[in-house]
Amino acid sequence: MHEKNGPRDTLLMEFSMTPLGQGESVSRYVAQTLDIIDKSGVDYQLHAMGTLVEGDIDQILNVFKQCLTAMSQDCNRISCSAKLDFRKGAGDRLSSKVKSVEDKLGRQLRTSGPAF
């Protein structure tokens, strides 16, 4: 993503939220969280152990807060894990970071699960 005046500062944040005490399967909570992320308009990639989102710091932290607030409506305890990567003047990092590694290897890597 680039603004008219050049690249913007972006933040990548990988996070997962796990409600505790809600049984063995928590996919309904994951689905609720992904609905919030998808409707937010931020770029994201879902993977088996969490979600990677990209945007400016206010967007990303707001999405994280919305997800936590929504999950806390039904859950008294939530375990959250988040990892942040800020880079000044860089955008479209969801794909460019993967492409950089693939270019060095000279081949494409599997970046998503098998098709259903």
PDB file of N, CA and C in Angstrom:
ATOM      1  N   MET A   1       0.838  -1.175   0.000  1.00  0.00           N
ATOM      2  CA  MET A   1       0.000   0.000   0.000  1.00  0.00           C
ATOM      3  C   MET A   1       0.883   1.238   0.000  1.00  0.00           C
ATOM      4  N   HIS A   2       0.537   2.185  -0.837  1.00  0.00           N
ATOM      5  CA  HIS A   2       1.289   3.421  -0.907  1.00  0.00           C
ATOM      6  C   HIS A   2       0.325   4.590  -0.978  1.00  0.00           C
ATOM      7  N   GLU A   3       0.663   5.643  -0.275  1.00  0.00           N
ATOM      8  CA  GLU A   3      -0.123   6.856  -0.372  1.00  0.00           C
ATOM      9  C   GLU A   3       0.428   7.672  -1.520  1.00  0.00           C
ATOM     10  N   LYS A   4      -0.265   8.739  -1.896  1.00  0.00           N
ATOM     11  CA  LYS A   4       0.147   9.558  -3.025  1.00  0.00           C
ATOM     12  C   LYS A   4       1.531  10.157  -2.831  1.00  0.00           C
ATOM     13  N   ASN A   5       1.931  10.420  -1.613  1.00  0.00           N
ATOM     14  CA  ASN A   5       3.221  11.044  -1.343  1.00  0.00           C
ATOM     15  C   ASN A   5       4.310  10.024  -1.044  1.00  0.00           C
ATOM     16  N   GLY A   6       4.097   8.762  -1.377  1.00  0.00           N
ATOM     17  CA  GLY A   6       5.107   7.746  -1.158  1.00  0.00           C
ATOM     18  C   GLY A   6       4.653   6.718  -0.148  1.00  0.00           C
ATOM     19  N   PRO A   7       5.560   5.790   0.197  1.00  0.00           N
ATOM     20  CA  PRO A   7       5.187   4.714   1.121  1.00  0.00           C
ATOM     21  C   PRO A   7       4.845   5.254   2.507  1.00  0.00           C
ATOM     22  N   ARG A   8       3.973   4.562   3.166  1.00  0.00           N
ATOM     23  CA  ARG A   8       3.612   4.951   4.526  1.00  0.00           C
ATOM     24  C   ARG A   8       4.285   4.003   5.513  1.00  0.00           C
ATOM     25  N   ASP A   9       4.338   4.438   6.747  1.00  0.00           N
ATOM     26  CA  ASP A   9       4.850   3.581   7.803  1.00  0.00           C
ATOM     27  C   ASP A   9       3.794   2.537   8.116  1.00  0.00           C
ATOM     28  N   THR A  10       4.173   1.279   8.147  1.00  0.00           N
ATOM     29  CA  THR A  10       3.189   0.248   8.435  1.00  0.00           C
ATOM     30  C   THR A  10       3.632  -0.627   9.594  1.00  0.00           C
ATOM     31  N   LEU A  11       2.634  -1.239  10.147  1.00  0.00           N
ATOM     32  CA  LEU A  11       2.827  -2.158  11.244  1.00  0.00           C
ATOM     33  C   LEU A  11       2.247  -3.492  10.825  1.00  0.00           C
ATOM     34  N   LEU A  12       3.004  -4.548  11.032  1.00  0.00           N
ATOM     35  CA  LEU A  12       2.474  -5.899  10.922  1.00  0.00           C
ATOM     36  C   LEU A  12       2.254  -6.382  12.335  1.00  0.00           C
ATOM     37  N   MET A  13       1.113  -6.982  12.570  1.00  0.00           N
ATOM     38  CA  MET A  13       0.865  -7.570  13.882  1.00  0.00           C
ATOM     39  C   MET A  13       0.256  -8.948  13.668  1.00  0.00           C
ATOM     40  N   GLU A  14       0.915  -9.926  14.238  1.00  0.00           N
ATOM     41  CA  GLU A  14       0.379 -11.277  14.246  1.00  0.00           C
ATOM     42  C   GLU A  14      -0.205 -11.493  15.631  1.00  0.00           C
ATOM     43  N   PHE A  15      -1.461 -11.945  15.669  1.00  0.00           N
ATOM     44  CA  PHE A  15      -2.035 -12.167  16.991  1.00  0.00           C
ATOM     45  C   PHE A  15      -3.013 -13.322  16.994  1.00  0.00           C
ATOM     46  N   SER A  16      -3.221 -13.832  18.185  1.00  0.00           N
ATOM     47  CA  SER A  16      -4.249 -14.842  18.411  1.00  0.00           C
ATOM     48  C   SER A  16      -4.882 -14.562  19.770  1.00  0.00           C
ATOM     49  N   MET A  17      -6.151 -14.900  19.861  1.00  0.00           N
ATOM     50  CA  MET A  17      -6.888 -14.771  21.111  1.00  0.00           C
ATOM     51  C   MET A  17      -7.558 -16.104  21.376  1.00  0.00           C
ATOM     52  N   THR A  18      -7.371 -16.598  22.578  1.00  0.00           N
ATOM     53  CA  THR A  18      -7.950 -17.883  22.938  1.00  0.00           C
ATOM     54  C   THR A  18      -8.786 -17.725  24.197  1.00  0.00           C
ATOM     55  N   PRO A  19     -10.085 -17.942  24.095  1.00  0.00           N
ATOM     56  CA  PRO A  19     -10.911 -17.882  25.298  1.00  0.00           C
ATOM     57  C   PRO A  19     -10.634 -19.110  26.164  1.00  0.00           C
ATOM     58  N   LEU A  20     -10.475 -18.893  27.443  1.00  0.00           N
ATOM     59  CA  LEU A  20     -10.221 -19.994  28.368  1.00  0.00           C
ATOM     60  C   LEU A  20     -11.527 -20.426  29.017  1.00  0.00           C
ATOM     61  N   GLY A  21     -11.654 -21.717  29.265  1.00  0.00           N
ATOM     62  CA  GLY A  21     -12.837 -22.243  29.918  1.00  0.00           C
ATOM     63  C   GLY A  21     -14.051 -22.350  29.010  1.00  0.00           C
ATOM     64  N   GLN A  22     -13.827 -22.361  27.701  1.00  0.00           N
ATOM     65  CA  GLN A  22     -14.948 -22.411  26.752  1.00  0.00           C
ATOM     66  C   GLN A  22     -15.017 -23.738  26.001  1.00  0.00           C
ATOM     67  N   GLY A  23     -14.333 -24.742  26.511  1.00  0.00           N
ATOM     68  CA  GLY A  23     -14.378 -26.053  25.876  1.00  0.00           C
ATOM     69  C   GLY A  23     -13.222 -26.288  24.926  1.00  0.00           C
ATOM     70  N   GLU A  24     -13.260 -27.452  24.313  1.00  0.00           N
ATOM     71  CA  GLU A  24     -12.170 -27.885  23.449  1.00  0.00           C
ATOM     72  C   GLU A  24     -12.114 -27.126  22.130  1.00  0.00           C
ATOM     73  N   SER A  25     -13.241 -26.837  21.523  1.00  0.00           N
ATOM     74  CA  SER A  25     -13.280 -26.119  20.252  1.00  0.00           C
ATOM     75  C   SER A  25     -13.689 -24.673  20.496  1.00  0.00           C
ATOM     76  N   VAL A  26     -12.908 -23.754  19.959  1.00  0.00           N
ATOM     77  CA  VAL A  26     -13.198 -22.328  20.117  1.00  0.00           C
ATOM     78  C   VAL A  26     -13.392 -21.646  18.757  1.00  0.00           C
ATOM     79  N   SER A  27     -13.725 -22.424  17.730  1.00  0.00           N
ATOM     80  CA  SER A  27     -13.823 -21.870  16.373  1.00  0.00           C
ATOM     81  C   SER A  27     -14.907 -20.805  16.251  1.00  0.00           C
ATOM     82  N   ARG A  28     -15.953 -20.884  17.053  1.00  0.00           N
ATOM     83  CA  ARG A  28     -16.990 -19.842  16.945  1.00  0.00           C
ATOM     84  C   ARG A  28     -16.443 -18.490  17.386  1.00  0.00           C
ATOM     85  N   TYR A  29     -15.530 -18.482  18.348  1.00  0.00           N
ATOM     86  CA  TYR A  29     -14.911 -17.228  18.794  1.00  0.00           C
ATOM     87  C   TYR A  29     -13.910 -16.734  17.757  1.00  0.00           C
ATOM     88  N   VAL A  30     -13.188 -17.656  17.148  1.00  0.00           N
ATOM     89  CA  VAL A  30     -12.254 -17.301  16.084  1.00  0.00           C
ATOM     90  C   VAL A  30     -13.034 -16.694  14.917  1.00  0.00           C
ATOM     91  N   ALA A  31     -14.150 -17.297  14.564  1.00  0.00           N
ATOM     92  CA  ALA A  31     -14.978 -16.788  13.469  1.00  0.00           C
ATOM     93  C   ALA A  31     -15.475 -15.373  13.773  1.00  0.00           C
ATOM     94  N   GLN A  32     -15.888 -15.138  14.996  1.00  0.00           N
ATOM     95  CA  GLN A  32     -16.357 -13.808  15.395  1.00  0.00           C
ATOM     96  C   GLN A  32     -15.227 -12.787  15.252  1.00  0.00           C
ATOM     97  N   THR A  33     -14.041 -13.160  15.671  1.00  0.00           N
ATOM     98  CA  THR A  33     -12.877 -12.282  15.568  1.00  0.00           C
ATOM     99  C   THR A  33     -12.545 -11.987  14.112  1.00  0.00           C
ATOM    100  N   LEU A  34     -12.562 -13.017  13.270  1.00  0.00           N
ATOM    101  CA  LEU A  34     -12.246 -12.822  11.853  1.00  0.00           C
ATOM    102  C   LEU A  34     -13.298 -11.984  11.148  1.00  0.00           C
ATOM    103  N   ASP A  35     -14.538 -12.051  11.591  1.00  0.00           N
ATOM    104  CA  ASP A  35     -15.570 -11.200  11.029  1.00  0.00           C
ATOM    105  C   ASP A  35     -15.241  -9.733  11.292  1.00  0.00           C
ATOM    106  N   ILE A  36     -14.786  -9.439  12.489  1.00  0.00           N
ATOM    107  CA  ILE A  36     -14.392  -8.065  12.840  1.00  0.00           C
ATOM    108  C   ILE A  36     -13.212  -7.620  11.985  1.00  0.00           C
ATOM    109  N   ILE A  37     -12.194  -8.475  11.878  1.00  0.00           N
ATOM    110  CA  ILE A  37     -11.007  -8.131  11.093  1.00  0.00           C
ATOM    111  C   ILE A  37     -11.376  -7.908   9.632  1.00  0.00           C
ATOM    112  N   ASP A  38     -12.158  -8.819   9.068  1.00  0.00           N
ATOM    113  CA  ASP A  38     -12.537  -8.734   7.659  1.00  0.00           C
ATOM    114  C   ASP A  38     -13.326  -7.456   7.375  1.00  0.00           C
ATOM    115  N   LYS A  39     -14.243  -7.100   8.248  1.00  0.00           N
ATOM    116  CA  LYS A  39     -15.066  -5.905   8.046  1.00  0.00           C
ATOM    117  C   LYS A  39     -14.304  -4.605   8.320  1.00  0.00           C
ATOM    118  N   SER A  40     -13.151  -4.692   8.987  1.00  0.00           N
ATOM    119  CA  SER A  40     -12.387  -3.494   9.334  1.00  0.00           C
ATOM    120  C   SER A  40     -11.732  -2.834   8.125  1.00  0.00           C
ATOM    121  N   GLY A  41     -11.488  -3.617   7.079  1.00  0.00           N
ATOM    122  CA  GLY A  41     -10.826  -3.076   5.891  1.00  0.00           C
ATOM    123  C   GLY A  41      -9.309  -3.171   5.919  1.00  0.00           C
ATOM    124  N   VAL A  42      -8.715  -3.631   7.019  1.00  0.00           N
ATOM    125  CA  VAL A  42      -7.262  -3.792   7.044  1.00  0.00           C
ATOM    126  C   VAL A  42      -6.876  -5.029   6.232  1.00  0.00           C
ATOM    127  N   ASP A  43      -5.667  -5.013   5.691  1.00  0.00           N
ATOM    128  CA  ASP A  43      -5.161  -6.202   5.019  1.00  0.00           C
ATOM    129  C   ASP A  43      -4.841  -7.242   6.072  1.00  0.00           C
ATOM    130  N   TYR A  44      -5.137  -8.513   5.771  1.00  0.00           N
ATOM    131  CA  TYR A  44      -4.875  -9.570   6.743  1.00  0.00           C
ATOM    132  C   TYR A  44      -4.672 -10.900   6.044  1.00  0.00           C
ATOM    133  N   GLN A  45      -4.066 -11.816   6.779  1.00  0.00           N
ATOM    134  CA  GLN A  45      -3.942 -13.209   6.355  1.00  0.00           C
ATOM    135  C   GLN A  45      -4.241 -14.085   7.563  1.00  0.00           C
ATOM    136  N   LEU A  46      -5.186 -14.976   7.408  1.00  0.00           N
ATOM    137  CA  LEU A  46      -5.509 -15.951   8.442  1.00  0.00           C
ATOM    138  C   LEU A  46      -4.616 -17.169   8.234  1.00  0.00           C
ATOM    139  N   HIS A  47      -4.078 -17.706   9.303  1.00  0.00           N
ATOM    140  CA  HIS A  47      -3.367 -18.974   9.219  1.00  0.00           C
ATOM    141  C   HIS A  47      -3.811 -19.845  10.385  1.00  0.00           C
ATOM    142  N   ALA A  48      -3.290 -21.035  10.462  1.00  0.00           N
ATOM    143  CA  ALA A  48      -3.793 -22.029  11.408  1.00  0.00           C
ATOM    144  C   ALA A  48      -3.622 -21.637  12.876  1.00  0.00           C
ATOM    145  N   MET A  49      -2.668 -20.779  13.183  1.00  0.00           N
ATOM    146  CA  MET A  49      -2.382 -20.457  14.574  1.00  0.00           C
ATOM    147  C   MET A  49      -2.622 -18.992  14.940  1.00  0.00           C
ATOM    148  N   GLY A  50      -3.225 -18.230  14.032  1.00  0.00           N
ATOM    149  CA  GLY A  50      -3.473 -16.828  14.318  1.00  0.00           C
ATOM    150  C   GLY A  50      -3.777 -16.062  13.051  1.00  0.00           C
ATOM    151  N   THR A  51      -3.677 -14.750  13.150  1.00  0.00           N
ATOM    152  CA  THR A  51      -3.962 -13.864  12.032  1.00  0.00           C
ATOM    153  C   THR A  51      -2.895 -12.788  11.974  1.00  0.00           C
ATOM    154  N   LEU A  52      -2.474 -12.456  10.765  1.00  0.00           N
ATOM    155  CA  LEU A  52      -1.499 -11.401  10.518  1.00  0.00           C
ATOM    156  C   LEU A  52      -2.245 -10.234   9.892  1.00  0.00           C
ATOM    157  N   VAL A  53      -2.141  -9.049  10.494  1.00  0.00           N
ATOM    158  CA  VAL A  53      -2.811  -7.861   9.986  1.00  0.00           C
ATOM    159  C   VAL A  53      -1.778  -6.788   9.677  1.00  0.00           C
ATOM    160  N   GLU A  54      -2.115  -5.908   8.708  1.00  0.00           N
ATOM    161  CA  GLU A  54      -1.197  -4.845   8.306  1.00  0.00           C
ATOM    162  C   GLU A  54      -1.950  -3.532   8.215  1.00  0.00           C
ATOM    163  N   GLY A  55      -1.338  -2.462   8.730  1.00  0.00           N
ATOM    164  CA  GLY A  55      -1.930  -1.131   8.645  1.00  0.00           C
ATOM    165  C   GLY A  55      -1.139  -0.170   9.511  1.00  0.00           C
ATOM    166  N   ASP A  56      -1.708   1.015   9.706  1.00  0.00           N
ATOM    167  CA  ASP A  56      -1.012   1.933  10.608  1.00  0.00           C
ATOM    168  C   ASP A  56      -1.339   1.539  12.050  1.00  0.00           C
ATOM    169  N   ILE A  57      -0.583   2.043  12.968  1.00  0.00           N
ATOM    170  CA  ILE A  57      -0.673   1.581  14.359  1.00  0.00           C
ATOM    171  C   ILE A  57      -2.071   1.790  14.946  1.00  0.00           C
ATOM    172  N   ASP A  58      -2.706   2.917  14.634  1.00  0.00           N
ATOM    173  CA  ASP A  58      -4.039   3.164  15.180  1.00  0.00           C
ATOM    174  C   ASP A  58      -5.057   2.163  14.649  1.00  0.00           C
ATOM    175  N   GLN A  59      -4.996   1.868  13.344  1.00  0.00           N
ATOM    176  CA  GLN A  59      -5.917   0.889  12.751  1.00  0.00           C
ATOM    177  C   GLN A  59      -5.747  -0.471  13.410  1.00  0.00           C
ATOM    178  N   ILE A  60      -4.509  -0.913  13.489  1.00  0.00           N
ATOM    179  CA  ILE A  60      -4.219  -2.269  13.968  1.00  0.00           C
ATOM    180  C   ILE A  60      -4.609  -2.427  15.429  1.00  0.00           C
ATOM    181  N   LEU A  61      -4.218  -1.465  16.259  1.00  0.00           N
ATOM    182  CA  LEU A  61      -4.555  -1.569  17.682  1.00  0.00           C
ATOM    183  C   LEU A  61      -6.063  -1.444  17.908  1.00  0.00           C
ATOM    184  N   ASN A  62      -6.747  -0.661  17.078  1.00  0.00           N
ATOM    185  CA  ASN A  62      -8.199  -0.557  17.183  1.00  0.00           C
ATOM    186  C   ASN A  62      -8.872  -1.894  16.839  1.00  0.00           C
ATOM    187  N   VAL A  63      -8.395  -2.561  15.789  1.00  0.00           N
ATOM    188  CA  VAL A  63      -8.952  -3.863  15.415  1.00  0.00           C
ATOM    189  C   VAL A  63      -8.714  -4.867  16.546  1.00  0.00           C
ATOM    190  N   PHE A  64      -7.512  -4.882  17.100  1.00  0.00           N
ATOM    191  CA  PHE A  64      -7.192  -5.777  18.210  1.00  0.00           C
ATOM    192  C   PHE A  64      -8.141  -5.530  19.378  1.00  0.00           C
ATOM    193  N   LYS A  65      -8.346  -4.263  19.712  1.00  0.00           N
ATOM    194  CA  LYS A  65      -9.232  -3.902  20.822  1.00  0.00           C
ATOM    195  C   LYS A  65     -10.671  -4.330  20.545  1.00  0.00           C
ATOM    196  N   GLN A  66     -11.147  -4.138  19.317  1.00  0.00           N
ATOM    197  CA  GLN A  66     -12.501  -4.561  18.966  1.00  0.00           C
ATOM    198  C   GLN A  66     -12.672  -6.073  19.126  1.00  0.00           C
ATOM    199  N   CYS A  67     -11.661  -6.820  18.693  1.00  0.00           N
ATOM    200  CA  CYS A  67     -11.717  -8.284  18.822  1.00  0.00           C
ATOM    201  C   CYS A  67     -11.766  -8.700  20.284  1.00  0.00           C
ATOM    202  N   LEU A  68     -10.923  -8.093  21.100  1.00  0.00           N
ATOM    203  CA  LEU A  68     -10.888  -8.415  22.523  1.00  0.00           C
ATOM    204  C   LEU A  68     -12.209  -8.035  23.199  1.00  0.00           C
ATOM    205  N   THR A  69     -12.730  -6.884  22.870  1.00  0.00           N
ATOM    206  CA  THR A  69     -14.000  -6.437  23.449  1.00  0.00           C
ATOM    207  C   THR A  69     -15.133  -7.387  23.084  1.00  0.00           C
ATOM    208  N   ALA A  70     -15.191  -7.788  21.826  1.00  0.00           N
ATOM    209  CA  ALA A  70     -16.247  -8.706  21.382  1.00  0.00           C
ATOM    210  C   ALA A  70     -16.138 -10.052  22.088  1.00  0.00           C
ATOM    211  N   MET A  71     -14.935 -10.599  22.167  1.00  0.00           N
ATOM    212  CA  MET A  71     -14.765 -11.901  22.799  1.00  0.00           C
ATOM    213  C   MET A  71     -15.073 -11.829  24.295  1.00  0.00           C
ATOM    214  N   SER A  72     -14.755 -10.703  24.912  1.00  0.00           N
ATOM    215  CA  SER A  72     -14.987 -10.571  26.360  1.00  0.00           C
ATOM    216  C   SER A  72     -16.471 -10.490  26.703  1.00  0.00           C
ATOM    217  N   GLN A  73     -17.341 -10.294  25.710  1.00  0.00           N
ATOM    218  CA  GLN A  73     -18.784 -10.303  25.960  1.00  0.00           C
ATOM    219  C   GLN A  73     -19.252 -11.681  26.429  1.00  0.00           C
ATOM    220  N   ASP A  74     -18.580 -12.736  25.925  1.00  0.00           N
ATOM    221  CA  ASP A  74     -18.972 -14.111  26.233  1.00  0.00           C
ATOM    222  C   ASP A  74     -17.956 -14.868  27.082  1.00  0.00           C
ATOM    223  N   CYS A  75     -16.781 -14.303  27.251  1.00  0.00           N
ATOM    224  CA  CYS A  75     -15.689 -15.033  27.913  1.00  0.00           C
ATOM    225  C   CYS A  75     -15.116 -14.204  29.052  1.00  0.00           C
ATOM    226  N   ASN A  76     -14.952 -14.830  30.202  1.00  0.00           N
ATOM    227  CA  ASN A  76     -14.412 -14.127  31.360  1.00  0.00           C
ATOM    228  C   ASN A  76     -12.894 -14.066  31.366  1.00  0.00           C
ATOM    229  N   ARG A  77     -12.252 -14.956  30.613  1.00  0.00           N
ATOM    230  CA  ARG A  77     -10.793 -14.977  30.573  1.00  0.00           C
ATOM    231  C   ARG A  77     -10.342 -15.300  29.152  1.00  0.00           C
ATOM    232  N   ILE A  78      -9.378 -14.500  28.654  1.00  0.00           N
ATOM    233  CA  ILE A  78      -8.879 -14.644  27.293  1.00  0.00           C
ATOM    234  C   ILE A  78      -7.363 -14.560  27.319  1.00  0.00           C
ATOM    235  N   SER A  79      -6.723 -15.525  26.692  1.00  0.00           N
ATOM    236  CA  SER A  79      -5.273 -15.495  26.536  1.00  0.00           C
ATOM    237  C   SER A  79      -4.962 -14.884  25.170  1.00  0.00           C
ATOM    238  N   CYS A  80      -4.125 -13.835  25.165  1.00  0.00           N
ATOM    239  CA  CYS A  80      -3.770 -13.150  23.911  1.00  0.00           C
ATOM    240  C   CYS A  80      -2.267 -13.240  23.680  1.00  0.00           C
ATOM    241  N   SER A  81      -1.918 -13.444  22.443  1.00  0.00           N
ATOM    242  CA  SER A  81      -0.528 -13.434  22.024  1.00  0.00           C
ATOM    243  C   SER A  81      -0.425 -12.499  20.838  1.00  0.00           C
ATOM    244  N   ALA A  82       0.546 -11.565  20.872  1.00  0.00           N
ATOM    245  CA  ALA A  82       0.712 -10.620  19.763  1.00  0.00           C
ATOM    246  C   ALA A  82       2.186 -10.345  19.526  1.00  0.00           C
ATOM    247  N   LYS A  83       2.516 -10.215  18.261  1.00  0.00           N
ATOM    248  CA  LYS A  83       3.884  -9.885  17.854  1.00  0.00           C
ATOM    249  C   LYS A  83       3.779  -8.741  16.860  1.00  0.00           C
ATOM    250  N   LEU A  84       4.553  -7.659  17.060  1.00  0.00           N
ATOM    251  CA  LEU A  84       4.489  -6.461  16.229  1.00  0.00           C
ATOM    252  C   LEU A  84       5.788  -6.259  15.464  1.00  0.00           C
ATOM    253  N   ASP A  85       5.664  -5.758  14.237  1.00  0.00           N
ATOM    254  CA  ASP A  85       6.834  -5.416  13.425  1.00  0.00           C
ATOM    255  C   ASP A  85       6.539  -4.093  12.733  1.00  0.00           C
ATOM    256  N   PHE A  86       7.235  -3.047  13.134  1.00  0.00           N
ATOM    257  CA  PHE A  86       7.082  -1.714  12.542  1.00  0.00           C
ATOM    258  C   PHE A  86       8.227  -1.470  11.578  1.00  0.00           C
ATOM    259  N   ARG A  87       7.896  -0.880  10.425  1.00  0.00           N
ATOM    260  CA  ARG A  87       8.944  -0.503   9.481  1.00  0.00           C
ATOM    261  C   ARG A  87       8.563   0.822   8.844  1.00  0.00           C
ATOM    262  N   LYS A  88       9.423   1.808   9.025  1.00  0.00           N
ATOM    263  CA  LYS A  88       9.198   3.150   8.500  1.00  0.00           C
ATOM    264  C   LYS A  88       9.285   3.136   6.978  1.00  0.00           C
ATOM    265  N   GLY A  89       8.295   3.761   6.352  1.00  0.00           N
ATOM    266  CA  GLY A  89       8.320   3.949   4.908  1.00  0.00           C
ATOM    267  C   GLY A  89       8.091   2.702   4.079  1.00  0.00           C
ATOM    268  N   ALA A  90       7.571   1.660   4.671  1.00  0.00           N
ATOM    269  CA  ALA A  90       7.341   0.421   3.923  1.00  0.00           C
ATOM    270  C   ALA A  90       5.861   0.084   3.936  1.00  0.00           C
ATOM    271  N   GLY A  91       5.390  -0.460   2.850  1.00  0.00           N
ATOM    272  CA  GLY A  91       4.000  -0.876   2.758  1.00  0.00           C
ATOM    273  C   GLY A  91       3.893  -2.199   2.037  1.00  0.00           C
ATOM    274  N   ASP A  92       2.715  -2.756   1.984  1.00  0.00           N
ATOM    275  CA  ASP A  92       2.428  -4.026   1.319  1.00  0.00           C
ATOM    276  C   ASP A  92       3.359  -5.137   1.808  1.00  0.00           C
ATOM    277  N   ARG A  93       3.573  -5.180   3.080  1.00  0.00           N
ATOM    278  CA  ARG A  93       4.539  -6.124   3.637  1.00  0.00           C
ATOM    279  C   ARG A  93       3.977  -7.530   3.783  1.00  0.00           C
ATOM    280  N   LEU A  94       2.654  -7.670   3.799  1.00  0.00           N
ATOM    281  CA  LEU A  94       2.082  -9.012   3.883  1.00  0.00           C
ATOM    282  C   LEU A  94       2.592  -9.890   2.750  1.00  0.00           C
ATOM    283  N   SER A  95       2.695  -9.325   1.572  1.00  0.00           N
ATOM    284  CA  SER A  95       3.174 -10.122   0.439  1.00  0.00           C
ATOM    285  C   SER A  95       4.653  -9.892   0.149  1.00  0.00           C
ATOM    286  N   SER A  96       5.163  -8.683   0.354  1.00  0.00           N
ATOM    287  CA  SER A  96       6.547  -8.397  -0.021  1.00  0.00           C
ATOM    288  C   SER A  96       7.564  -9.152   0.832  1.00  0.00           C
ATOM    289  N   LYS A  97       7.264  -9.400   2.094  1.00  0.00           N
ATOM    290  CA  LYS A  97       8.199 -10.152   2.936  1.00  0.00           C
ATOM    291  C   LYS A  97       8.321 -11.598   2.453  1.00  0.00           C
ATOM    292  N   VAL A  98       7.199 -12.196   2.073  1.00  0.00           N
ATOM    293  CA  VAL A  98       7.210 -13.565   1.569  1.00  0.00           C
ATOM    294  C   VAL A  98       7.920 -13.610   0.218  1.00  0.00           C
ATOM    295  N   LYS A  99       7.610 -12.647  -0.660  1.00  0.00           N
ATOM    296  CA  LYS A  99       8.227 -12.614  -1.980  1.00  0.00           C
ATOM    297  C   LYS A  99       9.743 -12.483  -1.876  1.00  0.00           C
ATOM    298  N   SER A 100      10.224 -11.705  -0.937  1.00  0.00           N
ATOM    299  CA  SER A 100      11.664 -11.523  -0.757  1.00  0.00           C
ATOM    300  C   SER A 100      12.357 -12.853  -0.451  1.00  0.00           C
ATOM    301  N   VAL A 101      11.768 -13.654   0.406  1.00  0.00           N
ATOM    302  CA  VAL A 101      12.339 -14.971   0.731  1.00  0.00           C
ATOM    303  C   VAL A 101      12.252 -15.900  -0.476  1.00  0.00           C
ATOM    304  N   GLU A 102      11.103 -15.896  -1.152  1.00  0.00           N
ATOM    305  CA  GLU A 102      10.942 -16.746  -2.335  1.00  0.00           C
ATOM    306  C   GLU A 102      11.937 -16.370  -3.431  1.00  0.00           C
ATOM    307  N   ASP A 103      12.187 -15.069  -3.612  1.00  0.00           N
ATOM    308  CA  ASP A 103      13.162 -14.627  -4.607  1.00  0.00           C
ATOM    309  C   ASP A 103      14.553 -15.156  -4.279  1.00  0.00           C
ATOM    310  N   LYS A 104      14.904 -15.155  -3.022  1.00  0.00           N
ATOM    311  CA  LYS A 104      16.226 -15.653  -2.613  1.00  0.00           C
ATOM    312  C   LYS A 104      16.356 -17.163  -2.836  1.00  0.00           C
ATOM    313  N   LEU A 105      15.247 -17.884  -2.683  1.00  0.00           N
ATOM    314  CA  LEU A 105      15.248 -19.330  -2.904  1.00  0.00           C
ATOM    315  C   LEU A 105      15.051 -19.706  -4.370  1.00  0.00           C
ATOM    316  N   GLY A 106      14.496 -18.787  -5.142  1.00  0.00           N
ATOM    317  CA  GLY A 106      14.239 -19.055  -6.544  1.00  0.00           C
ATOM    318  C   GLY A 106      13.022 -19.939  -6.784  1.00  0.00           C
ATOM    319  N   ARG A 107      12.126 -19.974  -5.835  1.00  0.00           N
ATOM    320  CA  ARG A 107      10.906 -20.772  -5.997  1.00  0.00           C
ATOM    321  C   ARG A 107       9.822 -20.256  -5.047  1.00  0.00           C
ATOM    322  N   GLN A 108       8.579 -20.634  -5.370  1.00  0.00           N
ATOM    323  CA  GLN A 108       7.468 -20.267  -4.501  1.00  0.00           C
ATOM    324  C   GLN A 108       7.380 -21.246  -3.336  1.00  0.00           C
ATOM    325  N   LEU A 109       6.965 -20.736  -2.222  1.00  0.00           N
ATOM    326  CA  LEU A 109       6.749 -21.544  -1.020  1.00  0.00           C
ATOM    327  C   LEU A 109       5.247 -21.645  -0.757  1.00  0.00           C
ATOM    328  N   ARG A 110       4.867 -22.642  -0.016  1.00  0.00           N
ATOM    329  CA  ARG A 110       3.455 -22.794   0.364  1.00  0.00           C
ATOM    330  C   ARG A 110       3.159 -21.768   1.463  1.00  0.00           C
ATOM    331  N   THR A 111       2.252 -20.873   1.185  1.00  0.00           N
ATOM    332  CA  THR A 111       1.912 -19.833   2.154  1.00  0.00           C
ATOM    333  C   THR A 111       0.475 -19.965   2.655  1.00  0.00           C
ATOM    334  N   SER A 112      -0.204 -21.030   2.239  1.00  0.00           N
ATOM    335  CA  SER A 112      -1.539 -21.284   2.747  1.00  0.00           C
ATOM    336  C   SER A 112      -1.738 -22.793   2.787  1.00  0.00           C
ATOM    337  N   GLY A 113      -2.777 -23.195   3.461  1.00  0.00           N
ATOM    338  CA  GLY A 113      -3.060 -24.614   3.606  1.00  0.00           C
ATOM    339  C   GLY A 113      -3.588 -25.216   2.316  1.00  0.00           C
ATOM    340  N   PRO A 114      -3.852 -26.500   2.318  1.00  0.00           N
ATOM    341  CA  PRO A 114      -4.384 -27.150   1.145  1.00  0.00           C
ATOM    342  C   PRO A 114      -5.782 -26.636   0.808  1.00  0.00           C
ATOM    343  N   ALA A 115      -6.099 -26.639  -0.464  1.00  0.00           N
ATOM    344  CA  ALA A 115      -7.430 -26.211  -0.897  1.00  0.00           C
ATOM    345  C   ALA A 115      -8.458 -27.269  -0.485  1.00  0.00           C
ATOM    346  N   PHE A 116      -9.641 -26.818  -0.126  1.00  0.00           N
ATOM    347  CA  PHE A 116     -10.702 -27.726   0.298  1.00  0.00           C
ATOM    348  C   PHE A 116     -11.657 -27.974  -0.827  1.00  0.00           C
TER     349      PHE A 116
END
